[in-house]
Structures are given as C-alpha cells and as structure tokens.
Amino acid sequence: MFTRTRRSFVAQAAGVAAGMAMAVAAMPSMAQNYPTRPITMVCPWGAGGGTDATARIIASLLEKELGQPVTVVNRTGGSGVVGHSAIAAAAPDGYTIGVATVEIGMMHWQGLTELTGTSYTPIGLVNADPAGVQVRTESPYKTIQDLLAAIKANPGKLKASGTGQGGIWHLAIAGLLRDQKIDPATVPWVPSNGAAPGLQDMIAGGVDLAPVSLPESRSLIDAGKVRSLAIMSEEPAALYPNVPTLKKAIGSDWTMAAWRGIVAPKGIPADVRDKLAAAIKKIAASKEFNEFMSKQGYGVIYKAPDDFAAFMAKSDKELGATMKAVGLIK
C-alpha cells in the first residue's frame, strides 16, 4: 500500500515536472513579449536643443519598430547630472531608457557625480559632432597653422569661447593645444551659455576663436561670417568636406566630439537589450533618421553595444587627461 502510493506520487510528480518543463520551453522569451507597455526615454538636456531633437526622432522611429509609445521626458539640471542619474536609477526592465551624452565622461572628473559610462547598459551610439576651429571671416588667420603660430607668438592674447568653463568645447581646444605642446592657459577661455553666444561674441570681436561643432556654426558659415579652419575628427565632415582634419592639416591625431547614444539602466535582461540594440541599429541606418540628421547638420555614427562601451571608456580617459591638464579635476 505504502509502496504503491509512493510510486504513484513519484510518477505524478515526474509528470508534473515534465509538464512544467514543456510549458517553460513553450513560453516565449521576455524579448518576444517586450514591450507590452509604453517606454520612457529620458533626455538629460532641455527641449529644443540638439540632444532633445535627436531623442525625439529616435523615439518616433522606435515606436514603429517596437509597437509601443515611446515618450521623451526632459530631466534637466546639474549640468546633465539629473537626467543621467534618472536613467541609471530606473528599473532595469527596458521600460526606461535614455540618451547619454559626452558629459558622462566629464561629470565624475568634476566631482559632480559618481556615474560613468559603466553605470549603464549601452544600447547604441547614434551621433557624434566633432569640434571645429572657427574664426570670423575677417580674421587674419587663414589656416590652423596660422592660428597656432599666433597663439605661440602671443601667449594670453587670443581668447576663445563656445561653452561654459570646463565644457566640451573648452576641452577640445585645450586638448589640441596640449597635443601641440602649447600650454592651454595661453588661450584664455571666456565662458558662455553655449555655442551660439560664443560665436556671436567672436563675430563682435570679443573673442578670437570658437572651437564648436560645424552644425552649430553652420548658419554663420553659410552667411559668410565665420570661417572654419579645421575639424577635430578622423574623417572630413559631410557637411563641409573641404574643411581639413587636424591630421591632414598639421599631422595631429587629436580628436574631440560631442556625442549621443542610447543607454539603459545597468542589469536589463540580455534579450531585452538585444531587441533594443537591433532596433537602434536599424534606426541608425534608416533613410528617415539620416535625412533628419543631415538636415540638422548632425553627424550619424553607429556603434553596437560592445563597441559603444569601448568608445565611452576611451572618451572618458581622454577627457580626464585633458581636464587634469587644465586644472578642472576636483
């Protein structure tokens, strides 16, 4: 009696286990079900700016790819800390993602946050806009060689602007000077609330150069008010292919760019990450995205998750070295 009951129990348990195994095997992966509800995309910068515009075109295309609404939420403040923190602190389920920008490799060096690129799950790099070296059209400096020679001959005389103290464009010119064995302090930095006021100050004669991106300078270049001497990139810009790279002009390997990429909180399921990454890769290659970015003058560059992680690590290292050189590390 006992033996039969025990055998019946074992057989029944085995049947239940087999049934459960078959059910699990038949269940679709999380990625096949994902997403089942709307997704939030956090933008660390304000509405109307380049990062916001990039976030919104990606969100609209991501909706088509994933079949769920993707809402852009601007979380501004703290020089990018607030928005980047919101992305990192969100639940790692794929329903909150965000746009990480170059500042993630700068803020921790300044003591503003402990966040770095390793605080996220990288999904895909989608944009990079290299710094250029812009002067007003009537400037006596016709080439980057002319400008660097004048800086060497007149330390402290030529001034630059285009962002706040320690911002990406400040680091761009400081890094170039350091690369050319010139003390970055020989070009005083005049802080501004962005590229536009910095460029206007340059046109008015308040500063001599603005190491900002070509898209930010585009309207003034096209209007004949600004001349671009070089671009801090490995390749010429599609926007102005005749502007030489630093490599071509002076043999320098120094590059610097403002970049944007899609990230998620650390620890999201691998299959969800892969589904997001596949969607972002498709978007980055799409005609609609490329036409939008081209119209804005923004550069499109795609890197898959692992390559994006390596890219962020390299950017972080270079930014830290430059910030240390100009005394900005706290």
Foldseek 3Di string as FASTA:
>chain_A
DVVVVVVVVVVVVVVVVVVVVVVVVPDDDPLVPPPPEAAEAEEADDPPDPSNVLVVVLQVLVCVLRVYHYHYDHQYDLPSPRRVVVQQPDDQALRYKYKDKLCLLPCVLLVSDPGHLVQWQFQKWWFKFWWFKKFWLPDPDPAPVSVLVVLVVQFQPAEEEFAAVLDQQLLQQLLVCVQVVHQSNSHHYDHDHGRVVRVVCRLVPVGGIYRGGCLSCVVCVVVRTMDTRETQDPAAAPVDRPRHHCCVRPNTNGIGIMTMGMTGHPDHDPSSSVSSNVSVVCLSPDPVSVVVCVVSSIGTDIDGRVVVSVVRVVSSVSSSVSCVSVVSGD
